Amino acid sequence: MKKLPFLVFILHLSGHIILSLSNYLLPFELFNLLLLTTNLIIALLLFRGRGDLLLGLGFMMILAAHGFIGQKIAPDALTSGAILMVNLLTLYVGYKIFSQRSFLHFIPFAAIYFLLFYIFIVTMKNAEALFLLSIMGLCATIREPKLLAYFLALVFSFTFCQPYAWEAALVSFFFLKMMFSIRSGTFSSRIAIIFLGCGAGLVFLVLLPVLVIIMQEDPRNIINILKMADIRQAIYLTLVTATLSSIILALFCIPLAYAVSRLQFKGKNLLLSLIDIPIVIPQSAAGLALLAVFSKQQILGGALFTIFGLRFDGTILGICLAQVFVAMPFLMKSALAAFDSVHIVYEQASRTLGASSFSAFWRIALPLASRGIFIGFVLAWARAAGEFGAVLFIAPYPVTAPIAVYNRFTSVGVIQAAPLVATLLLFSLVMFFFLQLASRMIPAAYQKES
């Protein structure tokens, strides 16, 4: 076995001589002579028992192959040297994985190597430098599964998700952090983890357009948009009407949800189905339906205008009416589920201690269901703030934020409307984040009081 290194060196030397005589190689080129000298030194070291024999033989074969082929296919001397060093590094890391761990650990390394080769060499043009860089990243992260996952996410983002590479990388890193933070002490079956990964993939596709429109917009354009008085007025009007509509919904839906949760009556299932109608109807159809009933020219709308002076078409009341219509199921369903989760025995116990029915509702059921109700309030607010179709038909003026986006798009086009879209998305995300944060604080606050 100790003679094998000299055999490899002799083959290298013989090939060098033959290819030089055929004018394929320059016989006295410095780089080729260095490769021969390095192989001779490795052969002597291995013969004296210094170093791993298999690893040394692998290095010698790579050096010889590079002298015959590698440097010929490289576009320049710098790239040739980089190819050689990366191949030596790859061999070293692969051998260490194979010898110190197992063949099962070596298979992913080899599979990822060929996958990167296919991506950067086969499918892409002039991407040799990226291939070498990716192989160095693979060698650096292969022993740490978490680092390897982040590295592959980065490669995926900058190859398949162009021109949205940074946005895709940001979302991918977030979901990887979420996956790796699963606690081993909690219930964490494999199927649940697989389901989480599949669901995260769908959320990735949903969040990507939002991040793209926000991150690709120049902050100066957003500032210029916010300086426009009509845009500020539209955002303010959206904030006010969505809040007002959500409060109206809370005043009616919370008592209704409590009644439906606690009472049994005929038509209960039909009532629950009817509550979902605003979700099923298209927005444009909802707007036309509201206009057909509450317009000043219609019987009911005309009566309300004549008797009470209430006008819905083209007013803030019409905006709130449309928002209430489309957002009702979100608060109603959440409040109903929240009251259903509160066991009735708590209220029965308070009644036996002398509390009235309203006191049992106010001091027992409502606080225990508060978190679920507030989450429904948040969803209803978000749905109301984002409503476009129904508002467009019944009250296109005064202009809300979604209507402002539509007007700007139809007047100046998608490119000029992009800064406004990014501004409204950023505004909506900030508001929704604070509302969600407030909903998370409700249980803790209630526990402290109790």
Protein backbone atom coordinates (compact mmCIF):
# COMPACT_ATOMS: atom_id res chain seq x y z
CA MET A 1 0.00 0.00 0.00
CA LYS A 2 2.92 2.35 0.68
CA LYS A 3 3.98 2.06 -2.97
CA LEU A 4 0.63 3.38 -4.23
CA PRO A 5 1.57 7.08 -3.77
CA PHE A 6 4.69 6.57 -5.94
CA LEU A 7 2.57 4.75 -8.52
CA VAL A 8 0.20 7.73 -8.67
CA PHE A 9 3.18 10.08 -8.98
CA ILE A 10 4.67 8.00 -11.79
CA LEU A 11 1.33 8.08 -13.62
CA HIS A 12 1.20 11.85 -13.15
CA LEU A 13 4.76 12.27 -14.41
CA SER A 14 4.16 9.93 -17.38
CA GLY A 15 0.99 11.77 -18.36
CA HIS A 16 2.80 15.09 -18.05
CA ILE A 17 5.54 13.88 -20.40
CA ILE A 18 3.15 12.38 -22.95
CA LEU A 19 0.90 15.45 -23.04
CA SER A 20 3.94 17.72 -23.30
CA LEU A 21 5.24 15.77 -26.31
CA SER A 22 1.83 16.12 -27.94
CA ASN A 23 1.92 19.91 -27.29
CA TYR A 24 -1.16 19.70 -25.05
CA LEU A 25 0.84 20.96 -22.05
CA LEU A 26 3.83 23.22 -21.66
CA PRO A 27 6.49 20.93 -20.13
CA PHE A 28 8.29 23.56 -18.07
CA GLU A 29 5.35 25.73 -17.07
CA LEU A 30 5.77 26.76 -13.43
CA PHE A 31 2.28 25.76 -12.34
CA ASN A 32 2.56 22.24 -13.80
CA LEU A 33 5.98 21.79 -12.21
CA LEU A 34 4.53 22.88 -8.86
CA LEU A 35 1.79 20.28 -9.18
CA LEU A 36 4.39 17.58 -9.90
CA THR A 37 6.56 18.69 -7.00
CA THR A 38 3.60 18.75 -4.60
CA ASN A 39 2.62 15.22 -5.59
CA LEU A 40 6.19 14.04 -5.06
CA ILE A 41 6.27 15.58 -1.57
CA ILE A 42 2.92 13.99 -0.68
CA ALA A 43 4.16 10.61 -1.96
CA LEU A 44 7.28 10.85 0.23
CA LEU A 45 5.26 11.83 3.29
CA LEU A 46 2.79 8.99 2.81
CA PHE A 47 5.62 6.53 2.24
CA ARG A 48 7.09 7.53 5.62
CA GLY A 49 3.70 7.01 7.30
CA ARG A 50 2.85 10.68 7.80
CA GLY A 51 -0.73 11.52 7.00
CA ASP A 52 -3.79 9.52 6.02
CA LEU A 53 -3.07 7.26 3.04
CA LEU A 54 -6.52 7.44 1.39
CA LEU A 55 -6.81 11.19 1.87
CA GLY A 56 -3.31 11.71 0.54
CA LEU A 57 -4.00 9.57 -2.52
CA GLY A 58 -7.16 11.60 -3.15
CA PHE A 59 -5.18 14.83 -3.00
CA MET A 60 -2.61 13.44 -5.44
CA MET A 61 -5.30 12.38 -7.92
CA ILE A 62 -6.94 15.80 -7.77
CA LEU A 63 -3.60 17.53 -8.35
CA ALA A 64 -2.87 15.29 -11.33
CA ALA A 65 -6.36 15.69 -12.78
CA HIS A 66 -6.14 19.44 -12.41
CA GLY A 67 -2.81 19.48 -14.22
CA PHE A 68 -4.28 17.51 -17.11
CA ILE A 69 -7.84 18.93 -17.32
CA GLY A 70 -8.70 21.51 -14.67
CA GLN A 71 -6.38 24.26 -15.69
CA LYS A 72 -7.37 23.84 -19.33
CA ILE A 73 -11.06 24.42 -18.73
CA ALA A 74 -10.48 27.34 -16.34
CA PRO A 75 -10.83 30.75 -18.04
CA ASP A 76 -7.80 32.24 -16.28
CA ALA A 77 -5.03 31.43 -13.82
CA LEU A 78 -6.86 32.88 -10.81
CA THR A 79 -9.96 30.79 -11.46
CA SER A 80 -7.76 27.74 -12.04
CA GLY A 81 -6.19 28.12 -8.61
CA ALA A 82 -9.59 28.65 -7.01
CA ILE A 83 -10.95 25.48 -8.65
CA LEU A 84 -8.01 23.46 -7.35
CA MET A 85 -8.31 24.74 -3.77
CA VAL A 86 -12.07 24.24 -3.67
CA ASN A 87 -11.72 20.67 -4.99
CA LEU A 88 -9.11 19.89 -2.34
CA LEU A 89 -11.36 21.39 0.35
CA THR A 90 -14.34 19.39 -0.88
CA LEU A 91 -12.37 16.16 -0.84
CA TYR A 92 -11.08 16.85 2.66
CA VAL A 93 -14.52 17.64 4.10
CA GLY A 94 -16.20 14.73 2.33
CA TYR A 95 -13.52 12.31 3.54
CA LYS A 96 -13.82 13.54 7.13
CA ILE A 97 -17.58 13.09 7.05
CA PHE A 98 -17.25 9.62 5.55
CA SER A 99 -14.55 8.45 7.99
CA GLN A 100 -15.70 10.10 11.21
CA ARG A 101 -19.43 9.76 10.90
CA SER A 102 -21.11 7.39 8.48
CA PHE A 103 -22.00 6.85 4.86
CA LEU A 104 -25.53 8.12 5.59
CA HIS A 105 -24.05 11.50 6.53
CA PHE A 106 -21.94 11.50 3.38
CA ILE A 107 -24.92 10.99 1.04
CA PRO A 108 -26.49 14.44 1.71
CA PHE A 109 -23.09 16.07 1.21
CA ALA A 110 -22.64 14.42 -2.17
CA ALA A 111 -26.25 15.08 -3.17
CA ILE A 112 -26.03 18.79 -2.36
CA TYR A 113 -22.69 19.02 -4.18
CA PHE A 114 -24.19 17.64 -7.39
CA LEU A 115 -27.30 19.80 -6.91
CA LEU A 116 -25.14 22.93 -6.73
CA PHE A 117 -23.19 21.71 -9.76
CA TYR A 118 -26.44 21.29 -11.69
CA ILE A 119 -27.71 24.75 -10.66
CA PHE A 120 -24.58 26.81 -11.31
CA ILE A 121 -22.82 24.86 -14.06
CA VAL A 122 -25.54 23.08 -16.03
CA THR A 123 -28.47 25.49 -15.85
CA MET A 124 -26.65 28.83 -15.52
CA LYS A 125 -24.07 30.46 -17.77
CA ASN A 126 -20.82 32.00 -16.56
CA ALA A 127 -21.60 31.06 -12.96
CA GLU A 128 -18.38 29.15 -12.18
CA ALA A 129 -17.40 31.67 -9.51
CA LEU A 130 -20.79 31.25 -7.80
CA PHE A 131 -20.38 27.49 -7.92
CA LEU A 132 -16.99 27.69 -6.21
CA LEU A 133 -18.37 30.06 -3.59
CA SER A 134 -21.36 27.82 -2.93
CA ILE A 135 -19.14 24.75 -2.54
CA MET A 136 -17.04 26.62 0.02
CA GLY A 137 -20.26 27.47 1.86
CA LEU A 138 -21.34 23.83 1.71
CA CYS A 139 -18.03 22.66 3.17
CA ALA A 140 -18.25 25.24 5.94
CA THR A 141 -21.82 24.37 7.01
CA ILE A 142 -22.25 20.65 6.27
CA ARG A 143 -21.46 19.53 9.82
CA GLU A 144 -24.05 21.88 11.37
CA PRO A 145 -27.60 21.11 10.20
CA LYS A 146 -28.89 24.56 11.18
CA LEU A 147 -26.14 26.40 9.34
CA LEU A 148 -26.61 24.11 6.35
CA ALA A 149 -30.34 24.90 6.27
CA TYR A 150 -29.67 28.65 6.34
CA PHE A 151 -27.03 28.24 3.62
CA LEU A 152 -29.40 26.29 1.35
CA ALA A 153 -32.13 28.88 1.96
CA LEU A 154 -29.70 31.59 0.90
CA VAL A 155 -28.78 29.66 -2.27
CA PHE A 156 -32.45 29.06 -3.05
CA SER A 157 -33.28 32.74 -2.56
CA PHE A 158 -30.51 34.05 -4.78
CA THR A 159 -31.03 31.54 -7.58
CA PHE A 160 -34.74 30.74 -7.91
CA CYS A 161 -36.25 33.86 -6.33
CA GLN A 162 -34.57 36.57 -8.41
CA PRO A 163 -35.18 39.49 -8.46
CA TYR A 164 -36.68 39.09 -4.99
CA ALA A 165 -33.65 37.45 -3.43
CA TRP A 166 -33.37 39.48 -0.23
CA GLU A 167 -37.10 39.33 0.46
CA ALA A 168 -37.14 35.56 -0.05
CA ALA A 169 -34.05 35.13 2.15
CA LEU A 170 -35.65 37.18 4.93
CA VAL A 171 -38.85 35.12 4.92
CA SER A 172 -36.89 31.85 4.66
CA PHE A 173 -34.66 32.74 7.61
CA PHE A 174 -37.71 33.59 9.71
CA PHE A 175 -39.35 30.23 9.05
CA LEU A 176 -36.10 28.35 9.64
CA LYS A 177 -35.72 30.13 12.96
CA MET A 178 -39.27 29.10 13.78
CA MET A 179 -38.66 25.46 12.83
CA PHE A 180 -35.42 25.19 14.80
CA SER A 181 -36.95 26.80 17.87
CA ILE A 182 -39.38 23.91 18.43
CA ARG A 183 -38.81 22.80 22.01
CA SER A 184 -37.98 19.16 22.54
CA GLY A 185 -39.87 19.12 25.83
CA THR A 186 -43.21 19.96 24.21
CA PHE A 187 -45.39 17.80 22.00
CA SER A 188 -43.41 17.64 18.77
CA SER A 189 -44.30 14.62 16.68
CA ARG A 190 -42.69 14.30 13.29
CA ILE A 191 -45.97 14.66 11.47
CA ALA A 192 -46.69 17.93 13.30
CA ILE A 193 -43.27 19.28 12.32
CA ILE A 194 -43.87 18.23 8.69
CA PHE A 195 -47.25 19.97 8.73
CA LEU A 196 -45.62 23.10 10.13
CA GLY A 197 -43.06 23.08 7.34
CA CYS A 198 -45.71 22.63 4.63
CA GLY A 199 -47.86 25.40 6.06
CA ALA A 200 -44.85 27.69 6.34
CA GLY A 201 -44.22 27.17 2.64
CA LEU A 202 -47.69 28.51 1.84
CA VAL A 203 -47.24 31.46 4.19
CA PHE A 204 -43.93 32.14 2.42
CA LEU A 205 -45.76 32.58 -0.89
CA VAL A 206 -48.31 34.86 0.77
CA LEU A 207 -45.79 37.10 2.56
CA LEU A 208 -43.32 37.37 -0.31
CA PRO A 209 -45.32 39.90 -2.41
CA VAL A 210 -45.86 42.09 0.66
CA LEU A 211 -42.14 42.20 1.47
CA VAL A 212 -41.25 42.77 -2.18
CA ILE A 213 -43.45 45.84 -2.55
CA ILE A 214 -42.20 47.31 0.75
CA MET A 215 -38.47 46.54 0.51
CA GLN A 216 -38.08 47.54 -3.13
CA GLU A 217 -39.56 50.98 -2.59
CA ASP A 218 -37.30 53.96 -1.94
CA PRO A 219 -37.99 55.37 1.58
CA ARG A 220 -37.88 58.88 0.10
CA ASN A 221 -40.86 58.04 -2.10
CA ILE A 222 -42.80 56.88 0.95
CA ILE A 223 -41.97 60.12 2.75
CA ASN A 224 -43.11 62.13 -0.28
CA ILE A 225 -46.37 60.20 -0.35
CA LEU A 226 -47.01 60.94 3.33
CA LYS A 227 -46.44 64.65 2.66
CA MET A 228 -49.49 64.70 0.36
CA ALA A 229 -52.52 66.04 2.18
CA ASP A 230 -55.07 63.91 0.33
CA ILE A 231 -53.16 60.72 1.15
CA ARG A 232 -52.91 61.62 4.82
CA GLN A 233 -56.62 62.37 4.83
CA ALA A 234 -57.40 59.01 3.20
CA ILE A 235 -55.31 57.13 5.77
CA TYR A 236 -56.89 59.07 8.63
CA LEU A 237 -60.39 58.41 7.27
CA THR A 238 -59.63 54.69 6.95
CA LEU A 239 -58.36 54.56 10.53
CA VAL A 240 -61.41 56.38 11.89
CA THR A 241 -64.06 54.50 9.91
CA ALA A 242 -62.51 51.07 10.54
CA THR A 243 -62.35 51.77 14.26
CA LEU A 244 -65.90 53.12 14.36
CA SER A 245 -67.22 50.14 12.35
CA SER A 246 -65.44 47.70 14.66
CA ILE A 247 -66.92 49.39 17.73
CA ILE A 248 -70.42 49.17 16.21
CA LEU A 249 -69.85 45.50 15.48
CA ALA A 250 -68.63 44.90 19.03
CA LEU A 251 -71.75 46.51 20.51
CA PHE A 252 -74.03 44.15 18.59
CA CYS A 253 -71.99 41.03 17.84
CA ILE A 254 -70.68 40.36 21.36
CA PRO A 255 -74.16 40.17 22.95
CA LEU A 256 -75.44 38.17 19.96
CA ALA A 257 -72.53 35.74 20.17
CA TYR A 258 -73.14 35.25 23.90
CA ALA A 259 -76.84 34.59 23.30
CA VAL A 260 -76.18 32.10 20.50
CA SER A 261 -73.55 30.34 22.60
CA ARG A 262 -75.78 29.95 25.68
CA LEU A 263 -79.23 29.41 24.15
CA GLN A 264 -80.74 26.56 22.16
CA PHE A 265 -83.47 27.54 19.71
CA LYS A 266 -84.89 26.61 16.33
CA GLY A 267 -83.06 28.09 13.39
CA LYS A 268 -79.77 28.42 15.25
CA ASN A 269 -77.79 26.67 12.55
CA LEU A 270 -79.52 28.74 9.87
CA LEU A 271 -78.63 31.92 11.74
CA LEU A 272 -74.97 30.88 11.94
CA SER A 273 -75.00 30.17 8.21
CA LEU A 274 -76.57 33.53 7.41
CA ILE A 275 -73.85 35.31 9.38
CA ASP A 276 -71.28 33.91 6.91
CA ILE A 277 -73.02 35.39 3.87
CA PRO A 278 -70.80 38.52 3.69
CA ILE A 279 -67.78 36.23 3.30
CA VAL A 280 -69.37 34.38 0.37
CA ILE A 281 -70.67 37.34 -1.62
CA PRO A 282 -68.25 39.13 -3.96
CA GLN A 283 -67.34 42.65 -2.82
CA SER A 284 -68.86 44.28 -5.87
CA ALA A 285 -72.14 42.42 -5.33
CA ALA A 286 -72.15 43.48 -1.68
CA GLY A 287 -71.70 47.12 -2.68
CA LEU A 288 -74.53 46.94 -5.21
CA ALA A 289 -76.80 45.21 -2.68
CA LEU A 290 -76.17 47.91 -0.08
CA LEU A 291 -76.70 50.62 -2.67
CA ALA A 292 -80.00 49.02 -3.75
CA VAL A 293 -81.35 49.25 -0.19
CA PHE A 294 -79.68 52.22 1.53
CA SER A 295 -79.34 54.66 -1.37
CA LYS A 296 -81.25 57.92 -0.96
CA GLN A 297 -83.30 56.99 -4.03
CA GLN A 298 -84.49 53.71 -2.47
CA ILE A 299 -87.42 53.27 -0.09
CA LEU A 300 -85.48 52.47 3.11
CA GLY A 301 -82.59 54.79 2.35
CA GLY A 302 -84.96 57.58 1.41
CA ALA A 303 -86.96 57.11 4.61
CA LEU A 304 -83.86 57.23 6.78
CA PHE A 305 -82.76 60.38 5.00
CA THR A 306 -86.15 62.07 5.28
CA ILE A 307 -86.86 61.19 8.90
CA PHE A 308 -83.40 61.14 10.52
CA GLY A 309 -81.26 62.94 7.93
CA LEU A 310 -79.07 59.84 7.51
CA ARG A 311 -77.52 59.52 4.06
CA PHE A 312 -75.33 56.52 3.18
CA ASP A 313 -74.41 56.90 -0.48
CA GLY A 314 -71.31 59.07 -0.82
CA THR A 315 -70.83 59.69 2.92
CA ILE A 316 -68.80 58.41 5.86
CA LEU A 317 -71.90 56.55 7.05
CA GLY A 318 -71.90 54.62 3.79
CA ILE A 319 -68.24 53.70 4.28
CA CYS A 320 -68.99 52.43 7.79
CA LEU A 321 -72.05 50.55 6.52
CA ALA A 322 -69.97 48.71 3.92
CA GLN A 323 -67.24 47.97 6.46
CA VAL A 324 -69.72 46.66 9.01
CA PHE A 325 -71.29 44.42 6.37
CA VAL A 326 -68.05 42.74 5.26
CA ALA A 327 -66.37 42.56 8.71
CA MET A 328 -69.28 41.20 10.76
CA PRO A 329 -68.49 37.46 10.34
CA PHE A 330 -64.91 37.91 11.59
CA LEU A 331 -65.90 39.38 14.95
CA MET A 332 -69.04 37.28 15.30
CA LYS A 333 -67.32 33.94 14.72
CA SER A 334 -64.39 34.75 17.00
CA ALA A 335 -66.67 35.96 19.80
CA LEU A 336 -68.88 32.88 19.47
CA ALA A 337 -65.88 30.55 19.67
CA ALA A 338 -64.56 32.49 22.67
CA PHE A 339 -67.85 32.18 24.59
CA ASP A 340 -68.11 28.50 23.66
CA SER A 341 -64.69 27.93 25.24
CA VAL A 342 -65.90 29.36 28.58
CA HIS A 343 -67.62 26.58 30.51
CA ILE A 344 -71.09 27.48 31.66
CA VAL A 345 -70.48 26.04 35.18
CA TYR A 346 -68.56 29.21 36.11
CA GLU A 347 -71.60 31.34 35.46
CA GLN A 348 -73.87 28.85 37.22
CA ALA A 349 -71.62 28.98 40.26
CA SER A 350 -71.75 32.78 40.33
CA ARG A 351 -75.55 32.67 40.04
CA THR A 352 -75.80 30.36 43.04
CA LEU A 353 -73.73 32.90 44.98
CA GLY A 354 -76.27 35.62 44.24
CA ALA A 355 -74.97 37.22 41.05
CA SER A 356 -77.47 38.39 38.48
CA SER A 357 -77.44 37.08 34.90
CA PHE A 358 -75.90 40.33 33.65
CA SER A 359 -73.29 40.25 36.42
CA ALA A 360 -72.37 36.66 35.50
CA PHE A 361 -71.95 37.73 31.90
CA TRP A 362 -70.04 40.93 32.70
CA ARG A 363 -67.75 39.60 35.43
CA ILE A 364 -67.29 35.94 34.42
CA ALA A 365 -68.01 35.09 30.77
CA LEU A 366 -66.81 38.33 29.15
CA PRO A 367 -63.40 38.52 30.91
CA LEU A 368 -62.68 34.85 30.27
CA ALA A 369 -63.58 35.24 26.60
CA SER A 370 -61.90 38.65 26.23
CA ARG A 371 -58.82 37.46 24.39
CA GLY A 372 -60.77 35.60 21.70
CA ILE A 373 -63.16 38.53 21.35
CA PHE A 374 -60.33 41.02 20.96
CA ILE A 375 -58.67 38.85 18.31
CA GLY A 376 -61.98 38.91 16.44
CA PHE A 377 -62.05 42.68 16.89
CA VAL A 378 -58.58 42.92 15.37
CA LEU A 379 -59.57 40.77 12.39
CA ALA A 380 -62.75 42.79 11.89
CA TRP A 381 -60.80 46.04 12.05
CA ALA A 382 -58.29 44.77 9.49
CA ARG A 383 -61.07 43.58 7.20
CA ALA A 384 -62.91 46.88 7.48
CA ALA A 385 -59.77 48.94 6.85
CA GLY A 386 -58.96 46.95 3.73
CA GLU A 387 -62.43 46.93 2.20
CA PHE A 388 -62.53 48.23 -1.37
CA GLY A 389 -65.30 46.76 -3.54
CA ALA A 390 -68.34 47.48 -1.39
CA VAL A 391 -67.06 50.95 -0.45
CA LEU A 392 -66.37 51.79 -4.11
CA PHE A 393 -70.02 51.21 -5.03
CA ILE A 394 -71.79 52.83 -2.10
CA ALA A 395 -69.36 55.60 -1.05
CA PRO A 396 -66.40 56.25 -3.36
CA TYR A 397 -66.16 59.69 -1.75
CA PRO A 398 -64.79 60.71 0.70
CA VAL A 399 -61.76 58.68 -0.32
CA THR A 400 -60.44 55.90 1.92
CA ALA A 401 -56.97 54.41 1.56
CA PRO A 402 -57.98 51.44 -0.67
CA ILE A 403 -59.96 53.80 -2.93
CA ALA A 404 -56.95 56.15 -3.06
CA VAL A 405 -54.77 53.31 -4.34
CA TYR A 406 -57.33 52.48 -7.02
CA ASN A 407 -57.67 56.12 -8.10
CA ARG A 408 -53.91 56.57 -8.28
CA PHE A 409 -53.50 53.35 -10.27
CA THR A 410 -56.13 54.32 -12.83
CA SER A 411 -54.71 57.84 -13.22
CA VAL A 412 -50.91 57.36 -13.26
CA GLY A 413 -50.31 53.59 -13.59
CA VAL A 414 -48.83 50.82 -11.51
CA ILE A 415 -45.29 52.26 -11.25
CA GLN A 416 -46.44 55.60 -9.82
CA ALA A 417 -48.93 53.84 -7.54
CA ALA A 418 -46.27 51.55 -6.03
CA PRO A 419 -45.04 54.07 -3.39
CA LEU A 420 -48.59 54.56 -2.14
CA VAL A 421 -49.14 50.79 -2.02
CA ALA A 422 -45.92 50.33 -0.03
CA THR A 423 -46.95 53.12 2.36
CA LEU A 424 -50.38 51.62 3.01
CA LEU A 425 -48.96 48.13 3.42
CA LEU A 426 -46.44 49.40 5.93
CA PHE A 427 -49.12 51.35 7.77
CA SER A 428 -51.46 48.34 7.86
CA LEU A 429 -48.73 46.01 9.10
CA VAL A 430 -47.74 48.39 11.90
CA MET A 431 -51.32 48.85 13.04
CA PHE A 432 -52.06 45.14 12.84
CA PHE A 433 -48.87 44.35 14.77
CA PHE A 434 -49.82 46.66 17.65
CA LEU A 435 -53.35 45.31 17.77
CA GLN A 436 -52.08 41.73 17.83
CA LEU A 437 -49.59 42.68 20.55
CA ALA A 438 -52.42 44.13 22.60
CA SER A 439 -54.42 40.93 22.19
CA ARG A 440 -51.49 38.90 23.55
CA MET A 441 -51.37 41.10 26.66
CA ILE A 442 -55.02 40.54 27.58
CA PRO A 443 -54.65 37.10 29.25
CA ALA A 444 -51.66 38.24 31.34
CA ALA A 445 -53.50 41.37 32.51
CA TYR A 446 -56.57 39.35 33.46
CA GLN A 447 -54.53 36.78 35.40
CA LYS A 448 -52.86 39.54 37.42
CA GLU A 449 -56.21 41.01 38.35
CA SER A 450 -57.58 37.62 39.40
